[in-house]
């Protein structure tokens, strides 16, 4: 059995504390170290530092909200973090919550299923070192990334309802 640990230090501690918690998790035998992305340090940037400082533990986000970030920009950041971490990243993404997206970010949380579907249609190929070619209703993206030393990484989706679970099952590596 493989067991991971979820850690909130990225939101209420220093980057050095995040690294120390990841070191401790690795030393204690945990298979993976997961962190959220909410209102503290950027989770992926913090995991890039952890990836350089802590050599073996797998790293994951639980979860990076999709609405505030373009899928190509998130793919580029995640590809970079995964290269720094030697291929140990699992990218967890999710829609977030209405109060966060609408009241705090000032964006509209609408067409959630369409948004997630097209988001993954852009993100997935870029995460696998393939070009994205999407002409959807929400995203029209035609680009490729060139990140030497990068490798494909799994993507998991925060999904609770049947429609989002279907999208996660069809286009992602699982749910978180």
N, C-alpha and C. Protein backbone atom coordinates (compact mmCIF):
# COMPACT_ATOMS: atom_id res chain seq x y z
N UNK A 1 0.84 -1.18 0.00
CA UNK A 1 0.00 0.00 0.00
C UNK A 1 0.88 1.24 0.00
N UNK A 2 0.46 2.21 -0.79
CA UNK A 2 1.18 3.48 -0.86
C UNK A 2 0.34 4.54 -0.18
N UNK A 3 0.93 5.28 0.74
CA UNK A 3 0.21 6.30 1.48
C UNK A 3 0.94 7.64 1.32
N UNK A 4 0.15 8.68 1.04
CA UNK A 4 0.69 10.03 0.92
C UNK A 4 0.24 10.88 2.08
N UNK A 5 0.83 12.05 2.18
CA UNK A 5 0.47 12.99 3.24
C UNK A 5 0.08 14.32 2.60
N UNK A 6 -0.97 14.93 3.15
CA UNK A 6 -1.42 16.25 2.71
C UNK A 6 -0.90 17.27 3.71
N UNK A 7 -0.34 18.38 3.21
CA UNK A 7 0.29 19.36 4.07
C UNK A 7 -0.15 20.76 3.71
N UNK A 8 -0.52 21.55 4.69
CA UNK A 8 -1.01 22.91 4.47
C UNK A 8 0.05 23.99 4.70
N UNK A 9 1.28 23.60 4.95
CA UNK A 9 2.32 24.58 5.26
C UNK A 9 2.49 25.60 4.15
N UNK A 10 2.21 25.24 2.90
CA UNK A 10 2.35 26.17 1.78
C UNK A 10 1.45 27.39 1.98
N UNK A 11 0.38 27.24 2.74
CA UNK A 11 -0.55 28.34 2.96
C UNK A 11 -0.29 29.12 4.24
N UNK A 12 0.36 28.51 5.22
CA UNK A 12 0.54 29.22 6.48
C UNK A 12 1.96 29.16 7.02
N UNK A 13 2.90 28.74 6.21
CA UNK A 13 4.29 28.67 6.67
C UNK A 13 5.23 29.27 5.63
N UNK A 14 6.50 29.12 5.89
CA UNK A 14 7.52 29.60 4.96
C UNK A 14 7.87 28.49 3.97
N UNK A 15 8.56 28.84 2.91
CA UNK A 15 9.01 27.82 1.95
C UNK A 15 9.97 26.85 2.63
N UNK A 16 10.83 27.36 3.51
CA UNK A 16 11.73 26.46 4.25
C UNK A 16 10.95 25.45 5.08
N UNK A 17 9.83 25.88 5.65
CA UNK A 17 9.00 24.95 6.43
C UNK A 17 8.33 23.92 5.52
N UNK A 18 7.92 24.33 4.33
CA UNK A 18 7.35 23.38 3.38
C UNK A 18 8.38 22.31 3.05
N UNK A 19 9.61 22.74 2.75
CA UNK A 19 10.68 21.79 2.44
C UNK A 19 10.94 20.86 3.62
N UNK A 20 10.98 21.40 4.82
CA UNK A 20 11.23 20.58 6.01
C UNK A 20 10.12 19.55 6.21
N UNK A 21 8.87 19.95 6.01
CA UNK A 21 7.75 19.00 6.15
C UNK A 21 7.84 17.89 5.10
N UNK A 22 8.23 18.25 3.88
CA UNK A 22 8.39 17.24 2.83
C UNK A 22 9.55 16.30 3.17
N UNK A 23 10.64 16.83 3.68
CA UNK A 23 11.77 15.98 4.10
C UNK A 23 11.33 14.98 5.17
N UNK A 24 10.57 15.50 6.13
CA UNK A 24 10.08 14.65 7.22
C UNK A 24 9.14 13.57 6.67
N UNK A 25 8.26 13.94 5.76
CA UNK A 25 7.34 12.97 5.16
C UNK A 25 8.10 11.88 4.42
N UNK A 26 9.12 12.29 3.66
CA UNK A 26 9.95 11.30 2.95
C UNK A 26 10.67 10.39 3.94
N UNK A 27 11.26 10.97 4.99
CA UNK A 27 11.97 10.18 5.99
C UNK A 27 11.04 9.23 6.74
N UNK A 28 9.78 9.64 6.91
CA UNK A 28 8.80 8.80 7.60
C UNK A 28 8.21 7.72 6.70
N UNK A 29 8.63 7.70 5.44
CA UNK A 29 8.21 6.63 4.54
C UNK A 29 6.97 6.89 3.71
N UNK A 30 6.46 8.12 3.73
CA UNK A 30 5.30 8.42 2.89
C UNK A 30 5.70 8.38 1.42
N UNK A 31 4.80 7.93 0.57
CA UNK A 31 5.07 7.83 -0.86
C UNK A 31 4.94 9.16 -1.57
N UNK A 32 4.06 10.04 -1.05
CA UNK A 32 3.81 11.30 -1.74
C UNK A 32 3.52 12.42 -0.75
N UNK A 33 3.74 13.64 -1.23
CA UNK A 33 3.55 14.87 -0.45
C UNK A 33 2.65 15.77 -1.27
N UNK A 34 1.47 16.08 -0.73
CA UNK A 34 0.46 16.86 -1.44
C UNK A 34 0.22 18.19 -0.74
N UNK A 35 -0.06 19.20 -1.53
CA UNK A 35 -0.38 20.51 -0.96
C UNK A 35 -1.47 21.19 -1.78
N UNK A 36 -2.20 22.06 -1.12
CA UNK A 36 -3.26 22.79 -1.81
C UNK A 36 -2.70 24.07 -2.43
N UNK A 37 -3.53 24.71 -3.22
CA UNK A 37 -3.19 25.99 -3.81
C UNK A 37 -4.37 26.91 -3.51
N UNK A 38 -4.20 27.75 -2.52
CA UNK A 38 -5.33 28.62 -2.18
C UNK A 38 -4.85 30.05 -1.99
N UNK A 39 -4.55 30.50 -0.80
CA UNK A 39 -4.24 31.91 -0.60
C UNK A 39 -2.90 32.14 0.07
N UNK A 40 -1.99 31.23 -0.08
CA UNK A 40 -0.65 31.39 0.46
C UNK A 40 0.34 31.39 -0.69
N UNK A 41 1.45 30.69 -0.49
CA UNK A 41 2.45 30.56 -1.56
C UNK A 41 1.85 29.80 -2.74
N UNK A 42 2.37 30.05 -3.91
CA UNK A 42 1.98 29.29 -5.09
C UNK A 42 2.41 27.84 -4.90
N UNK A 43 1.48 26.91 -4.97
CA UNK A 43 1.77 25.50 -4.67
C UNK A 43 2.81 24.92 -5.63
N UNK A 44 2.68 25.19 -6.91
CA UNK A 44 3.63 24.60 -7.86
C UNK A 44 5.03 25.17 -7.69
N UNK A 45 5.14 26.44 -7.42
CA UNK A 45 6.47 27.03 -7.19
C UNK A 45 7.10 26.42 -5.94
N UNK A 46 6.30 26.28 -4.88
CA UNK A 46 6.80 25.65 -3.66
C UNK A 46 7.23 24.21 -3.92
N UNK A 47 6.46 23.47 -4.71
CA UNK A 47 6.83 22.09 -5.02
C UNK A 47 8.07 22.01 -5.90
N UNK A 48 8.34 23.04 -6.70
CA UNK A 48 9.58 23.07 -7.47
C UNK A 48 10.78 23.11 -6.53
N UNK A 49 10.68 23.93 -5.49
CA UNK A 49 11.75 24.00 -4.49
C UNK A 49 11.88 22.66 -3.77
N UNK A 50 10.75 22.10 -3.35
CA UNK A 50 10.77 20.79 -2.69
C UNK A 50 11.40 19.75 -3.61
N UNK A 51 11.04 19.79 -4.88
CA UNK A 51 11.59 18.83 -5.84
C UNK A 51 13.09 18.87 -5.95
N UNK A 52 13.68 20.04 -5.76
CA UNK A 52 15.14 20.18 -5.80
C UNK A 52 15.79 19.74 -4.49
N UNK A 53 15.09 19.94 -3.39
CA UNK A 53 15.66 19.71 -2.06
C UNK A 53 15.38 18.33 -1.48
N UNK A 54 14.31 17.71 -1.90
CA UNK A 54 13.89 16.43 -1.34
C UNK A 54 13.86 15.43 -2.50
N UNK A 55 14.76 14.45 -2.53
CA UNK A 55 15.04 13.73 -3.77
C UNK A 55 14.08 12.63 -4.21
N UNK A 56 13.28 12.06 -3.33
CA UNK A 56 12.54 10.86 -3.74
C UNK A 56 11.02 10.95 -3.67
N UNK A 57 10.47 11.66 -2.76
CA UNK A 57 9.02 11.65 -2.55
C UNK A 57 8.28 12.22 -3.76
N UNK A 58 7.15 11.61 -4.12
CA UNK A 58 6.32 12.13 -5.18
C UNK A 58 5.61 13.38 -4.68
N UNK A 59 5.28 14.27 -5.62
CA UNK A 59 4.71 15.57 -5.27
C UNK A 59 3.38 15.77 -5.97
N UNK A 60 2.42 16.37 -5.27
CA UNK A 60 1.12 16.59 -5.90
C UNK A 60 0.43 17.84 -5.41
N UNK A 61 -0.41 18.40 -6.28
CA UNK A 61 -1.25 19.53 -5.90
C UNK A 61 -2.68 19.04 -5.71
N UNK A 62 -3.32 19.59 -4.71
CA UNK A 62 -4.69 19.20 -4.40
C UNK A 62 -5.46 20.41 -3.89
N UNK A 63 -5.88 21.26 -4.74
CA UNK A 63 -5.83 21.32 -6.19
C UNK A 63 -5.53 22.75 -6.62
N UNK A 64 -5.07 22.88 -7.88
CA UNK A 64 -4.87 24.20 -8.48
C UNK A 64 -6.17 24.57 -9.19
N UNK A 65 -6.77 25.72 -8.85
CA UNK A 65 -8.01 26.13 -9.51
C UNK A 65 -7.78 26.44 -11.00
N UNK A 66 -8.72 26.01 -11.83
CA UNK A 66 -8.57 26.19 -13.27
C UNK A 66 -9.01 27.56 -13.78
N UNK A 67 -10.07 28.10 -13.23
CA UNK A 67 -10.62 29.34 -13.81
C UNK A 67 -9.63 30.50 -13.83
N UNK A 68 -8.81 30.73 -12.81
CA UNK A 68 -7.91 31.89 -12.86
C UNK A 68 -6.68 31.70 -13.76
N UNK A 69 -6.43 30.49 -14.25
CA UNK A 69 -5.22 30.23 -15.05
C UNK A 69 -5.57 29.63 -16.39
N UNK A 70 -4.97 30.17 -17.43
CA UNK A 70 -5.13 29.58 -18.75
C UNK A 70 -4.48 28.20 -18.74
N UNK A 71 -5.08 27.21 -19.41
CA UNK A 71 -4.52 25.85 -19.36
C UNK A 71 -3.11 25.75 -19.95
N UNK A 72 -2.79 26.56 -20.94
CA UNK A 72 -1.44 26.51 -21.50
C UNK A 72 -0.42 27.07 -20.51
N UNK A 73 -0.79 28.12 -19.79
CA UNK A 73 0.12 28.69 -18.78
C UNK A 73 0.32 27.69 -17.64
N UNK A 74 -0.75 27.03 -17.20
CA UNK A 74 -0.60 26.03 -16.15
C UNK A 74 0.23 24.86 -16.64
N UNK A 75 0.03 24.44 -17.88
CA UNK A 75 0.83 23.34 -18.44
C UNK A 75 2.31 23.70 -18.44
N UNK A 76 2.63 24.91 -18.85
CA UNK A 76 4.02 25.34 -18.90
C UNK A 76 4.65 25.32 -17.51
N UNK A 77 3.92 25.82 -16.52
CA UNK A 77 4.44 25.82 -15.16
C UNK A 77 4.61 24.39 -14.64
N UNK A 78 3.62 23.55 -14.88
CA UNK A 78 3.69 22.17 -14.37
C UNK A 78 4.78 21.37 -15.08
N UNK A 79 4.96 21.58 -16.38
CA UNK A 79 6.05 20.91 -17.11
C UNK A 79 7.39 21.30 -16.49
N UNK A 80 7.55 22.57 -16.16
CA UNK A 80 8.79 23.05 -15.55
C UNK A 80 9.01 22.44 -14.18
N UNK A 81 7.96 22.43 -13.35
CA UNK A 81 8.08 21.83 -12.01
C UNK A 81 8.41 20.35 -12.12
N UNK A 82 7.77 19.67 -13.04
CA UNK A 82 8.02 18.24 -13.20
C UNK A 82 9.46 17.97 -13.64
N UNK A 83 10.00 18.83 -14.50
CA UNK A 83 11.40 18.69 -14.91
C UNK A 83 12.33 18.92 -13.72
N UNK A 84 12.03 19.93 -12.92
CA UNK A 84 12.85 20.20 -11.73
C UNK A 84 12.80 19.04 -10.77
N UNK A 85 11.62 18.43 -10.62
CA UNK A 85 11.43 17.35 -9.65
C UNK A 85 11.78 15.97 -10.21
N UNK A 86 12.32 15.93 -11.40
CA UNK A 86 12.72 14.64 -11.95
C UNK A 86 11.56 13.71 -12.26
N UNK A 87 10.44 14.28 -12.69
CA UNK A 87 9.31 13.45 -13.10
C UNK A 87 8.42 12.97 -11.97
N UNK A 88 8.42 13.66 -10.83
CA UNK A 88 7.66 13.19 -9.66
C UNK A 88 6.37 13.94 -9.41
N UNK A 89 5.92 14.80 -10.33
CA UNK A 89 4.73 15.62 -10.11
C UNK A 89 3.46 14.90 -10.54
N UNK A 90 2.42 15.05 -9.75
CA UNK A 90 1.05 14.72 -10.13
C UNK A 90 0.27 16.03 -9.99
N UNK A 91 -0.28 16.51 -11.08
CA UNK A 91 -0.99 17.79 -11.08
C UNK A 91 -2.46 17.56 -10.79
N UNK A 92 -2.90 18.07 -9.64
CA UNK A 92 -4.31 18.04 -9.29
C UNK A 92 -4.93 19.39 -9.60
N UNK A 93 -6.01 19.36 -10.38
CA UNK A 93 -6.70 20.59 -10.75
C UNK A 93 -8.17 20.50 -10.35
N UNK A 94 -8.83 21.65 -10.28
CA UNK A 94 -10.25 21.65 -9.97
C UNK A 94 -10.87 22.99 -10.27
N UNK A 95 -12.20 23.00 -10.28
CA UNK A 95 -12.94 24.22 -10.60
C UNK A 95 -12.90 25.24 -9.48
N UNK A 96 -12.70 24.84 -8.26
CA UNK A 96 -12.77 25.66 -7.06
C UNK A 96 -14.22 25.82 -6.65
N UNK A 97 -14.56 26.93 -6.01
CA UNK A 97 -15.89 27.15 -5.48
C UNK A 97 -16.41 28.51 -5.93
N UNK A 98 -17.72 28.64 -6.01
CA UNK A 98 -18.34 29.86 -6.50
C UNK A 98 -17.87 31.09 -5.70
N UNK A 99 -17.81 30.99 -4.38
CA UNK A 99 -17.41 32.13 -3.57
C UNK A 99 -15.98 32.57 -3.91
N UNK A 100 -15.11 31.62 -4.18
CA UNK A 100 -13.72 31.96 -4.51
C UNK A 100 -13.64 32.56 -5.91
N UNK A 101 -14.20 31.88 -6.88
CA UNK A 101 -14.07 32.31 -8.27
C UNK A 101 -14.83 33.60 -8.54
N UNK A 102 -16.06 33.70 -8.05
CA UNK A 102 -16.86 34.88 -8.37
C UNK A 102 -16.65 36.03 -7.39
N UNK A 103 -16.69 35.76 -6.10
CA UNK A 103 -16.60 36.85 -5.12
C UNK A 103 -15.18 37.34 -4.91
N UNK A 104 -14.21 36.44 -4.98
CA UNK A 104 -12.83 36.84 -4.71
C UNK A 104 -12.06 37.19 -5.99
N UNK A 105 -12.16 36.33 -7.01
CA UNK A 105 -11.44 36.57 -8.26
C UNK A 105 -12.21 37.46 -9.23
N UNK A 106 -13.52 37.55 -9.04
CA UNK A 106 -14.33 38.37 -9.94
C UNK A 106 -14.58 37.73 -11.29
N UNK A 107 -14.45 36.42 -11.37
CA UNK A 107 -14.71 35.69 -12.61
C UNK A 107 -16.07 35.01 -12.51
N UNK A 108 -16.56 34.49 -13.61
CA UNK A 108 -17.84 33.79 -13.62
C UNK A 108 -17.59 32.28 -13.60
N UNK A 109 -18.15 31.63 -12.62
CA UNK A 109 -18.08 30.17 -12.54
C UNK A 109 -19.31 29.62 -13.26
N UNK A 110 -19.15 29.41 -14.54
CA UNK A 110 -20.28 28.94 -15.34
C UNK A 110 -19.78 27.93 -16.37
N UNK A 111 -20.71 27.15 -16.88
CA UNK A 111 -20.39 26.12 -17.88
C UNK A 111 -19.25 25.24 -17.40
N UNK A 112 -19.38 24.78 -16.19
CA UNK A 112 -18.30 24.05 -15.52
C UNK A 112 -17.87 22.80 -16.28
N UNK A 113 -18.80 22.03 -16.77
CA UNK A 113 -18.45 20.80 -17.48
C UNK A 113 -17.73 21.13 -18.78
N UNK A 114 -18.24 22.08 -19.54
CA UNK A 114 -17.60 22.50 -20.79
C UNK A 114 -16.21 23.07 -20.49
N UNK A 115 -16.11 23.90 -19.46
CA UNK A 115 -14.83 24.49 -19.07
C UNK A 115 -13.80 23.40 -18.78
N UNK A 116 -14.16 22.45 -17.92
CA UNK A 116 -13.21 21.40 -17.55
C UNK A 116 -12.85 20.52 -18.74
N UNK A 117 -13.82 20.21 -19.58
CA UNK A 117 -13.56 19.38 -20.76
C UNK A 117 -12.54 20.04 -21.67
N UNK A 118 -12.79 21.29 -22.02
CA UNK A 118 -11.87 21.98 -22.92
C UNK A 118 -10.54 22.28 -22.25
N UNK A 119 -10.58 22.57 -20.96
CA UNK A 119 -9.34 22.81 -20.20
C UNK A 119 -8.42 21.61 -20.31
N UNK A 120 -8.98 20.43 -20.08
CA UNK A 120 -8.18 19.20 -20.18
C UNK A 120 -7.77 18.90 -21.61
N UNK A 121 -8.59 19.29 -22.58
CA UNK A 121 -8.22 19.10 -23.98
C UNK A 121 -6.98 19.92 -24.35
N UNK A 122 -6.77 21.03 -23.68
CA UNK A 122 -5.56 21.83 -23.88
C UNK A 122 -4.43 21.30 -23.00
N UNK A 123 -4.71 21.11 -21.73
CA UNK A 123 -3.68 20.75 -20.74
C UNK A 123 -3.07 19.37 -21.01
N UNK A 124 -3.91 18.37 -21.30
CA UNK A 124 -3.42 16.99 -21.45
C UNK A 124 -2.33 16.84 -22.51
N UNK A 125 -2.54 17.26 -23.75
CA UNK A 125 -1.46 17.06 -24.71
C UNK A 125 -0.19 17.82 -24.34
N UNK A 126 -0.33 19.03 -23.81
CA UNK A 126 0.85 19.80 -23.42
C UNK A 126 1.60 19.11 -22.29
N UNK A 127 0.88 18.41 -21.41
CA UNK A 127 1.53 17.68 -20.31
C UNK A 127 2.26 16.45 -20.81
N UNK A 128 1.94 16.03 -22.02
CA UNK A 128 2.55 14.83 -22.62
C UNK A 128 3.52 15.18 -23.74
N UNK A 129 3.97 16.43 -23.80
CA UNK A 129 4.92 16.90 -24.81
C UNK A 129 4.35 16.76 -26.22
N UNK A 130 3.04 17.00 -26.34
CA UNK A 130 2.38 17.02 -27.64
C UNK A 130 1.75 18.40 -27.83
N UNK A 131 1.56 18.83 -29.07
CA UNK A 131 0.92 20.12 -29.28
C UNK A 131 -0.57 20.07 -28.93
N UNK A 132 -1.09 21.19 -28.50
CA UNK A 132 -2.52 21.33 -28.25
C UNK A 132 -3.15 21.96 -29.47
N UNK A 133 -4.23 21.37 -29.94
CA UNK A 133 -4.98 21.91 -31.07
C UNK A 133 -6.46 21.83 -30.70
N UNK A 134 -6.96 22.89 -30.12
CA UNK A 134 -8.33 22.91 -29.61
C UNK A 134 -9.07 24.10 -30.21
N UNK A 135 -10.21 23.82 -30.80
CA UNK A 135 -11.11 24.85 -31.31
C UNK A 135 -12.46 24.63 -30.65
N UNK A 136 -12.52 24.99 -29.38
CA UNK A 136 -13.73 24.79 -28.62
C UNK A 136 -14.56 26.04 -28.51
N UNK A 137 -15.57 25.96 -27.66
CA UNK A 137 -16.42 27.12 -27.42
C UNK A 137 -15.75 28.12 -26.49
N UNK A 138 -14.92 27.63 -25.57
CA UNK A 138 -14.28 28.48 -24.57
C UNK A 138 -12.80 28.72 -24.86
N UNK A 139 -12.14 27.72 -25.41
CA UNK A 139 -10.70 27.82 -25.70
C UNK A 139 -10.43 27.52 -27.16
N UNK A 140 -9.63 28.37 -27.77
CA UNK A 140 -9.10 28.14 -29.10
C UNK A 140 -7.58 28.26 -28.97
N UNK A 141 -6.94 27.11 -28.90
CA UNK A 141 -5.52 27.06 -28.57
C UNK A 141 -4.79 26.19 -29.59
N UNK A 142 -3.72 26.72 -30.14
CA UNK A 142 -2.88 25.99 -31.08
C UNK A 142 -1.44 26.32 -30.73
N UNK A 143 -0.81 25.47 -29.94
CA UNK A 143 0.57 25.71 -29.54
C UNK A 143 1.22 24.44 -29.03
N UNK A 144 2.52 24.49 -28.96
CA UNK A 144 3.31 23.40 -28.39
C UNK A 144 4.32 24.02 -27.44
N UNK A 145 4.72 23.24 -26.46
CA UNK A 145 5.77 23.67 -25.54
C UNK A 145 7.06 22.95 -25.90
N UNK A 146 8.16 23.59 -25.64
CA UNK A 146 9.46 22.97 -25.85
C UNK A 146 10.25 23.13 -24.56
N UNK A 147 10.19 22.10 -23.72
CA UNK A 147 10.85 22.16 -22.42
C UNK A 147 11.79 20.96 -22.30
N UNK A 148 13.03 21.18 -22.59
CA UNK A 148 14.00 20.09 -22.54
C UNK A 148 14.09 19.53 -21.11
N UNK A 149 14.17 18.23 -21.00
CA UNK A 149 14.26 17.58 -19.70
C UNK A 149 12.91 17.30 -19.06
N UNK A 150 11.83 17.73 -19.71
CA UNK A 150 10.49 17.50 -19.16
C UNK A 150 10.01 16.10 -19.53
N UNK A 151 9.11 15.57 -18.72
CA UNK A 151 8.50 14.28 -19.01
C UNK A 151 7.01 14.38 -18.70
N UNK A 152 6.21 13.49 -19.29
CA UNK A 152 4.77 13.52 -19.01
C UNK A 152 4.49 13.33 -17.52
N UNK A 153 3.37 13.88 -17.08
CA UNK A 153 2.97 13.74 -15.68
C UNK A 153 1.48 13.47 -15.62
N UNK A 154 1.04 12.78 -14.57
CA UNK A 154 -0.39 12.52 -14.43
C UNK A 154 -1.16 13.77 -14.00
N UNK A 155 -2.43 13.81 -14.41
CA UNK A 155 -3.34 14.87 -14.04
C UNK A 155 -4.54 14.24 -13.36
N UNK A 156 -4.88 14.73 -12.17
CA UNK A 156 -6.07 14.28 -11.47
C UNK A 156 -6.98 15.47 -11.26
N UNK A 157 -8.28 15.20 -11.16
CA UNK A 157 -9.28 16.26 -11.13
C UNK A 157 -10.14 16.14 -9.88
N UNK A 158 -10.35 17.27 -9.22
CA UNK A 158 -11.31 17.32 -8.12
C UNK A 158 -12.71 17.27 -8.74
N UNK A 159 -13.41 16.19 -8.52
CA UNK A 159 -14.73 16.00 -9.11
C UNK A 159 -15.60 15.19 -8.16
N UNK A 160 -16.80 15.67 -7.91
CA UNK A 160 -17.71 14.96 -7.01
C UNK A 160 -18.98 14.49 -7.71
N UNK A 161 -19.49 15.26 -8.65
CA UNK A 161 -20.74 14.92 -9.31
C UNK A 161 -20.53 14.04 -10.52
N UNK A 162 -21.58 13.42 -11.01
CA UNK A 162 -21.46 12.46 -12.11
C UNK A 162 -20.91 13.05 -13.40
N UNK A 163 -21.28 14.29 -13.74
CA UNK A 163 -20.79 14.87 -14.99
C UNK A 163 -19.28 15.14 -14.94
N UNK A 164 -18.81 15.72 -13.84
CA UNK A 164 -17.38 16.00 -13.73
C UNK A 164 -16.59 14.72 -13.55
N UNK A 165 -17.15 13.74 -12.86
CA UNK A 165 -16.47 12.45 -12.73
C UNK A 165 -16.32 11.78 -14.10
N UNK A 166 -17.32 11.93 -14.95
CA UNK A 166 -17.23 11.38 -16.30
C UNK A 166 -16.09 12.06 -17.07
N UNK A 167 -16.02 13.38 -16.99
CA UNK A 167 -14.94 14.12 -17.67
C UNK A 167 -13.59 13.68 -17.13
N UNK A 168 -13.47 13.56 -15.81
CA UNK A 168 -12.21 13.12 -15.20
C UNK A 168 -11.84 11.72 -15.68
N UNK A 169 -12.83 10.84 -15.75
CA UNK A 169 -12.57 9.47 -16.20
C UNK A 169 -12.17 9.39 -17.65
N UNK A 170 -12.71 10.26 -18.47
CA UNK A 170 -12.39 10.25 -19.91
C UNK A 170 -11.11 10.98 -20.26
N UNK A 171 -10.76 12.03 -19.49
CA UNK A 171 -9.67 12.91 -19.93
C UNK A 171 -8.52 13.06 -18.93
N UNK A 172 -8.65 12.50 -17.75
CA UNK A 172 -7.60 12.64 -16.73
C UNK A 172 -7.15 11.25 -16.25
N UNK A 173 -6.25 11.26 -15.30
CA UNK A 173 -5.72 10.00 -14.76
C UNK A 173 -6.44 9.56 -13.49
N UNK A 174 -7.41 10.35 -13.05
CA UNK A 174 -8.14 9.98 -11.86
C UNK A 174 -8.71 11.21 -11.19
N UNK A 175 -9.21 11.02 -9.97
CA UNK A 175 -9.76 12.12 -9.20
C UNK A 175 -8.99 12.29 -7.92
N UNK A 176 -9.15 13.46 -7.33
CA UNK A 176 -8.52 13.75 -6.06
C UNK A 176 -9.53 14.46 -5.20
